[in-house]
Amino acid sequence: MHPAPPFQAPPFGQRPNAAGNPVGAVFLGFVVSVVVSLLYSGIILATYKEQSLTTANILYLAHALINGALVGSLVGLVGHRSNGAHIAAAVIAALGAFFGFTNSLPLIIAESETPRAAGDLLQHDPFWPAKAWWNSETGGGVDWFSPLGLVIAAAAAWGLARVIGNRSGGGDRS
């Protein structure tokens, strides 16, 4: 007779849950998106006087890509094959790209004039940062770089979350 092992084997038919943690993945993606957006706002605040329109557009699109890539990678690693987590990563990355830009505008007004001026402007028209995000600075109309940044952030986040999540393996898709 051989002695029994010191642990009990799992019952036949049950596998360990390797599906990841979709809620934790989404929360981690949110935290990373907020940090990246704050860093972008800080970079814009520090360099806005020396920026040309081309530089500002390149920085915005690079921010959107970096935000999407980081959020998607982390959500894929933690959330594995969770379709809900992949979709949430795309939404979070797009929102991070949007709020990174819009949060930098009141900071610029507060730094160039006074914090009170930024507060008065936001109190008078609370949506002016979103309007500035949407409108072109040169000829009026729509600034197509703005929605392009959202698409880049969402596509990078969803794509990387999907690829990395499927490689990480895991249980059923949920």
C-alpha atoms as a PDB file:
ATOM      1  CA  MET A   1       0.000   0.000   0.000  1.00  0.00           C
ATOM      2  CA  HIS A   2       1.137   3.462  -0.829  1.00  0.00           C
ATOM      3  CA  PRO A   3       0.304   6.283   1.551  1.00  0.00           C
ATOM      4  CA  ALA A   4      -2.289   8.804   0.389  1.00  0.00           C
ATOM      5  CA  PRO A   5      -0.977  12.139  -0.862  1.00  0.00           C
ATOM      6  CA  PRO A   6      -1.017  14.989   1.667  1.00  0.00           C
ATOM      7  CA  PHE A   7      -3.605  16.858  -0.416  1.00  0.00           C
ATOM      8  CA  GLN A   8      -6.911  15.878  -1.852  1.00  0.00           C
ATOM      9  CA  ALA A   9      -7.147  15.900  -5.619  1.00  0.00           C
ATOM     10  CA  PRO A  10      -9.993  17.943  -7.081  1.00  0.00           C
ATOM     11  CA  PRO A  11     -13.071  15.953  -8.061  1.00  0.00           C
ATOM     12  CA  PHE A  12     -13.162  14.646 -11.593  1.00  0.00           C
ATOM     13  CA  GLY A  13     -14.584  17.125 -14.084  1.00  0.00           C
ATOM     14  CA  GLN A  14     -13.796  20.325 -12.215  1.00  0.00           C
ATOM     15  CA  ARG A  15     -11.003  22.512 -13.447  1.00  0.00           C
ATOM     16  CA  PRO A  16      -9.420  25.342 -11.545  1.00  0.00           C
ATOM     17  CA  ASN A  17     -10.838  28.720 -12.485  1.00  0.00           C
ATOM     18  CA  ALA A  18      -8.280  30.337 -14.765  1.00  0.00           C
ATOM     19  CA  ALA A  19     -10.633  32.894 -16.281  1.00  0.00           C
ATOM     20  CA  GLY A  20      -8.881  35.796 -14.655  1.00  0.00           C
ATOM     21  CA  ASN A  21     -10.536  38.595 -12.798  1.00  0.00           C
ATOM     22  CA  PRO A  22     -12.535  40.805 -15.193  1.00  0.00           C
ATOM     23  CA  VAL A  23     -13.642  43.293 -12.525  1.00  0.00           C
ATOM     24  CA  GLY A  24     -10.105  43.684 -11.213  1.00  0.00           C
ATOM     25  CA  ALA A  25      -8.854  44.044 -14.777  1.00  0.00           C
ATOM     26  CA  VAL A  26     -11.297  46.851 -15.527  1.00  0.00           C
ATOM     27  CA  PHE A  27     -10.442  48.624 -12.271  1.00  0.00           C
ATOM     28  CA  LEU A  28      -6.703  48.318 -12.970  1.00  0.00           C
ATOM     29  CA  GLY A  29      -7.253  49.613 -16.505  1.00  0.00           C
ATOM     30  CA  PHE A  30      -9.193  52.573 -15.119  1.00  0.00           C
ATOM     31  CA  VAL A  31      -6.440  53.467 -12.649  1.00  0.00           C
ATOM     32  CA  VAL A  32      -3.751  53.233 -15.329  1.00  0.00           C
ATOM     33  CA  SER A  33      -5.832  55.338 -17.729  1.00  0.00           C
ATOM     34  CA  VAL A  34      -6.266  58.051 -15.096  1.00  0.00           C
ATOM     35  CA  VAL A  35      -2.522  58.114 -14.389  1.00  0.00           C
ATOM     36  CA  VAL A  36      -1.610  58.274 -18.095  1.00  0.00           C
ATOM     37  CA  SER A  37      -4.179  61.031 -18.664  1.00  0.00           C
ATOM     38  CA  LEU A  38      -2.818  63.050 -15.746  1.00  0.00           C
ATOM     39  CA  LEU A  39       0.721  62.679 -17.100  1.00  0.00           C
ATOM     40  CA  TYR A  40      -0.449  63.849 -20.527  1.00  0.00           C
ATOM     41  CA  SER A  41      -2.229  66.854 -18.993  1.00  0.00           C
ATOM     42  CA  GLY A  42       0.957  67.708 -17.105  1.00  0.00           C
ATOM     43  CA  ILE A  43       3.080  67.460 -20.251  1.00  0.00           C
ATOM     44  CA  ILE A  44       0.651  69.698 -22.131  1.00  0.00           C
ATOM     45  CA  LEU A  45       0.653  72.211 -19.270  1.00  0.00           C
ATOM     46  CA  ALA A  46       4.456  72.275 -19.195  1.00  0.00           C
ATOM     47  CA  THR A  47       4.927  72.636 -22.967  1.00  0.00           C
ATOM     48  CA  TYR A  48       1.850  74.392 -24.382  1.00  0.00           C
ATOM     49  CA  LYS A  49       3.673  77.686 -25.022  1.00  0.00           C
ATOM     50  CA  GLU A  50       6.204  76.038 -27.334  1.00  0.00           C
ATOM     51  CA  GLN A  51       3.799  73.719 -29.170  1.00  0.00           C
ATOM     52  CA  SER A  52       2.699  74.113 -32.741  1.00  0.00           C
ATOM     53  CA  LEU A  53      -0.651  72.715 -33.864  1.00  0.00           C
ATOM     54  CA  THR A  54       1.124  69.766 -35.477  1.00  0.00           C
ATOM     55  CA  THR A  55       3.021  68.997 -32.283  1.00  0.00           C
ATOM     56  CA  ALA A  56      -0.159  69.225 -30.231  1.00  0.00           C
ATOM     57  CA  ASN A  57      -1.960  66.821 -32.581  1.00  0.00           C
ATOM     58  CA  ILE A  58       0.945  64.357 -32.546  1.00  0.00           C
ATOM     59  CA  LEU A  59       1.108  64.463 -28.747  1.00  0.00           C
ATOM     60  CA  TYR A  60      -2.657  63.882 -28.512  1.00  0.00           C
ATOM     61  CA  LEU A  61      -2.591  60.898 -30.880  1.00  0.00           C
ATOM     62  CA  ALA A  62       0.489  59.469 -29.138  1.00  0.00           C
ATOM     63  CA  HIS A  63      -1.273  59.860 -25.790  1.00  0.00           C
ATOM     64  CA  ALA A  64      -4.323  58.049 -27.155  1.00  0.00           C
ATOM     65  CA  LEU A  65      -2.170  55.197 -28.461  1.00  0.00           C
ATOM     66  CA  ILE A  66      -0.155  54.873 -25.246  1.00  0.00           C
ATOM     67  CA  ASN A  67      -3.285  55.027 -23.105  1.00  0.00           C
ATOM     68  CA  GLY A  68      -4.975  52.360 -25.216  1.00  0.00           C
ATOM     69  CA  ALA A  69      -1.905  50.138 -25.316  1.00  0.00           C
ATOM     70  CA  LEU A  70      -1.325  50.216 -21.562  1.00  0.00           C
ATOM     71  CA  VAL A  71      -4.980  49.747 -20.650  1.00  0.00           C
ATOM     72  CA  GLY A  72      -5.457  46.944 -23.179  1.00  0.00           C
ATOM     73  CA  SER A  73      -2.313  45.118 -22.140  1.00  0.00           C
ATOM     74  CA  LEU A  74      -3.167  45.171 -18.456  1.00  0.00           C
ATOM     75  CA  VAL A  75      -6.803  44.208 -19.008  1.00  0.00           C
ATOM     76  CA  GLY A  76      -5.713  41.333 -21.237  1.00  0.00           C
ATOM     77  CA  LEU A  77      -3.217  40.089 -18.660  1.00  0.00           C
ATOM     78  CA  VAL A  78      -5.616  40.265 -15.724  1.00  0.00           C
ATOM     79  CA  GLY A  79      -9.010  39.705 -17.374  1.00  0.00           C
ATOM     80  CA  HIS A  80      -7.879  36.960 -19.757  1.00  0.00           C
ATOM     81  CA  ARG A  81     -10.689  36.013 -22.177  1.00  0.00           C
ATOM     82  CA  SER A  82     -13.456  38.129 -20.704  1.00  0.00           C
ATOM     83  CA  ASN A  83     -15.199  39.885 -23.596  1.00  0.00           C
ATOM     84  CA  GLY A  84     -16.776  42.340 -21.173  1.00  0.00           C
ATOM     85  CA  ALA A  85     -13.364  43.327 -19.856  1.00  0.00           C
ATOM     86  CA  HIS A  86     -12.068  43.806 -23.425  1.00  0.00           C
ATOM     87  CA  ILE A  87     -14.975  46.100 -24.286  1.00  0.00           C
ATOM     88  CA  ALA A  88     -14.576  47.994 -21.017  1.00  0.00           C
ATOM     89  CA  ALA A  89     -10.879  48.493 -21.824  1.00  0.00           C
ATOM     90  CA  ALA A  90     -11.818  50.151 -25.121  1.00  0.00           C
ATOM     91  CA  VAL A  91     -14.312  52.465 -23.418  1.00  0.00           C
ATOM     92  CA  ILE A  92     -11.916  53.352 -20.606  1.00  0.00           C
ATOM     93  CA  ALA A  93      -9.039  54.089 -22.992  1.00  0.00           C
ATOM     94  CA  ALA A  94     -11.224  56.331 -25.165  1.00  0.00           C
ATOM     95  CA  LEU A  95     -12.458  58.209 -22.100  1.00  0.00           C
ATOM     96  CA  GLY A  96      -8.863  58.542 -20.895  1.00  0.00           C
ATOM     97  CA  ALA A  97      -7.845  60.105 -24.204  1.00  0.00           C
ATOM     98  CA  PHE A  98     -10.788  62.510 -24.065  1.00  0.00           C
ATOM     99  CA  PHE A  99     -10.332  63.567 -20.450  1.00  0.00           C
ATOM    100  CA  GLY A 100      -6.561  63.864 -20.758  1.00  0.00           C
ATOM    101  CA  PHE A 101      -7.104  66.584 -23.348  1.00  0.00           C
ATOM    102  CA  THR A 102     -10.087  68.307 -21.753  1.00  0.00           C
ATOM    103  CA  ASN A 103      -8.508  68.389 -18.289  1.00  0.00           C
ATOM    104  CA  SER A 104      -5.431  70.134 -19.640  1.00  0.00           C
ATOM    105  CA  LEU A 105      -7.430  73.153 -20.864  1.00  0.00           C
ATOM    106  CA  PRO A 106      -8.553  74.505 -17.455  1.00  0.00           C
ATOM    107  CA  LEU A 107      -5.014  73.909 -16.182  1.00  0.00           C
ATOM    108  CA  ILE A 108      -3.627  76.036 -19.009  1.00  0.00           C
ATOM    109  CA  ILE A 109      -6.129  78.825 -18.279  1.00  0.00           C
ATOM    110  CA  ALA A 110      -5.347  78.645 -14.558  1.00  0.00           C
ATOM    111  CA  GLU A 111      -1.601  78.824 -15.219  1.00  0.00           C
ATOM    112  CA  SER A 112      -1.686  81.539 -17.882  1.00  0.00           C
ATOM    113  CA  GLU A 113      -4.229  83.768 -16.137  1.00  0.00           C
ATOM    114  CA  THR A 114      -5.489  82.829 -12.673  1.00  0.00           C
ATOM    115  CA  PRO A 115      -7.199  79.824 -11.127  1.00  0.00           C
ATOM    116  CA  ARG A 116     -10.189  82.089 -10.544  1.00  0.00           C
ATOM    117  CA  ALA A 117     -10.439  82.784 -14.293  1.00  0.00           C
ATOM    118  CA  ALA A 118     -10.548  79.059 -15.035  1.00  0.00           C
ATOM    119  CA  GLY A 119     -13.183  78.572 -12.348  1.00  0.00           C
ATOM    120  CA  ASP A 120     -15.303  81.422 -13.711  1.00  0.00           C
ATOM    121  CA  LEU A 121     -15.026  80.063 -17.228  1.00  0.00           C
ATOM    122  CA  LEU A 122     -16.053  76.575 -16.105  1.00  0.00           C
ATOM    123  CA  GLN A 123     -18.913  78.002 -14.062  1.00  0.00           C
ATOM    124  CA  HIS A 124     -20.168  80.046 -17.024  1.00  0.00           C
ATOM    125  CA  ASP A 125     -19.835  77.196 -19.560  1.00  0.00           C
ATOM    126  CA  PRO A 126     -18.931  73.844 -17.966  1.00  0.00           C
ATOM    127  CA  PHE A 127     -18.652  72.125 -21.348  1.00  0.00           C
ATOM    128  CA  TRP A 128     -16.167  74.499 -22.967  1.00  0.00           C
ATOM    129  CA  PRO A 129     -13.267  71.998 -22.725  1.00  0.00           C
ATOM    130  CA  ALA A 130     -15.351  69.448 -24.638  1.00  0.00           C
ATOM    131  CA  LYS A 131     -16.316  72.088 -27.197  1.00  0.00           C
ATOM    132  CA  ALA A 132     -12.657  73.016 -27.602  1.00  0.00           C
ATOM    133  CA  TRP A 133     -11.797  69.328 -28.020  1.00  0.00           C
ATOM    134  CA  TRP A 134     -14.321  69.023 -30.840  1.00  0.00           C
ATOM    135  CA  ASN A 135     -13.747  72.339 -32.680  1.00  0.00           C
ATOM    136  CA  SER A 136     -10.827  73.060 -34.966  1.00  0.00           C
ATOM    137  CA  GLU A 137      -8.476  75.843 -33.883  1.00  0.00           C
ATOM    138  CA  THR A 138      -7.506  76.889 -37.389  1.00  0.00           C
ATOM    139  CA  GLY A 139     -10.612  77.110 -39.550  1.00  0.00           C
ATOM    140  CA  GLY A 140     -13.524  76.330 -37.262  1.00  0.00           C
ATOM    141  CA  GLY A 141     -15.628  73.265 -37.837  1.00  0.00           C
ATOM    142  CA  VAL A 142     -14.731  69.830 -36.571  1.00  0.00           C
ATOM    143  CA  ASP A 143     -11.216  68.880 -35.550  1.00  0.00           C
ATOM    144  CA  TRP A 144     -11.020  65.333 -36.940  1.00  0.00           C
ATOM    145  CA  PHE A 145      -7.912  64.536 -34.908  1.00  0.00           C
ATOM    146  CA  SER A 146     -10.065  64.509 -31.782  1.00  0.00           C
ATOM    147  CA  PRO A 147     -12.385  61.611 -32.709  1.00  0.00           C
ATOM    148  CA  LEU A 148      -9.438  59.882 -34.400  1.00  0.00           C
ATOM    149  CA  GLY A 149      -7.703  59.819 -31.014  1.00  0.00           C
ATOM    150  CA  LEU A 150     -10.720  58.099 -29.471  1.00  0.00           C
ATOM    151  CA  VAL A 151     -10.740  55.474 -32.218  1.00  0.00           C
ATOM    152  CA  ILE A 152      -7.001  54.871 -31.829  1.00  0.00           C
ATOM    153  CA  ALA A 153      -7.287  54.517 -28.049  1.00  0.00           C
ATOM    154  CA  ALA A 154     -10.294  52.191 -28.229  1.00  0.00           C
ATOM    155  CA  ALA A 155      -8.849  50.043 -31.022  1.00  0.00           C
ATOM    156  CA  ALA A 156      -5.482  49.676 -29.312  1.00  0.00           C
ATOM    157  CA  ALA A 157      -7.075  48.795 -25.976  1.00  0.00           C
ATOM    158  CA  TRP A 158      -9.574  46.304 -27.382  1.00  0.00           C
ATOM    159  CA  GLY A 159      -7.066  44.707 -29.766  1.00  0.00           C
ATOM    160  CA  LEU A 160      -4.323  44.251 -27.206  1.00  0.00           C
ATOM    161  CA  ALA A 161      -6.738  43.067 -24.519  1.00  0.00           C
ATOM    162  CA  ARG A 162      -8.118  40.504 -26.964  1.00  0.00           C
ATOM    163  CA  VAL A 163      -4.728  39.243 -28.174  1.00  0.00           C
ATOM    164  CA  ILE A 164      -3.063  39.156 -24.758  1.00  0.00           C
ATOM    165  CA  GLY A 165      -6.179  37.791 -23.068  1.00  0.00           C
ATOM    166  CA  ASN A 166      -6.456  34.922 -25.531  1.00  0.00           C
ATOM    167  CA  ARG A 167      -2.778  34.095 -25.106  1.00  0.00           C
ATOM    168  CA  SER A 168      -3.110  34.129 -21.342  1.00  0.00           C
ATOM    169  CA  GLY A 169      -5.667  31.387 -21.637  1.00  0.00           C
ATOM    170  CA  GLY A 170      -8.299  30.834 -19.129  1.00  0.00           C
ATOM    171  CA  GLY A 171     -11.710  29.416 -18.801  1.00  0.00           C
ATOM    172  CA  ASP A 172     -14.919  30.197 -20.555  1.00  0.00           C
ATOM    173  CA  ARG A 173     -15.590  33.509 -22.202  1.00  0.00           C
ATOM    174  CA  SER A 174     -17.862  35.678 -20.148  1.00  0.00           C
END
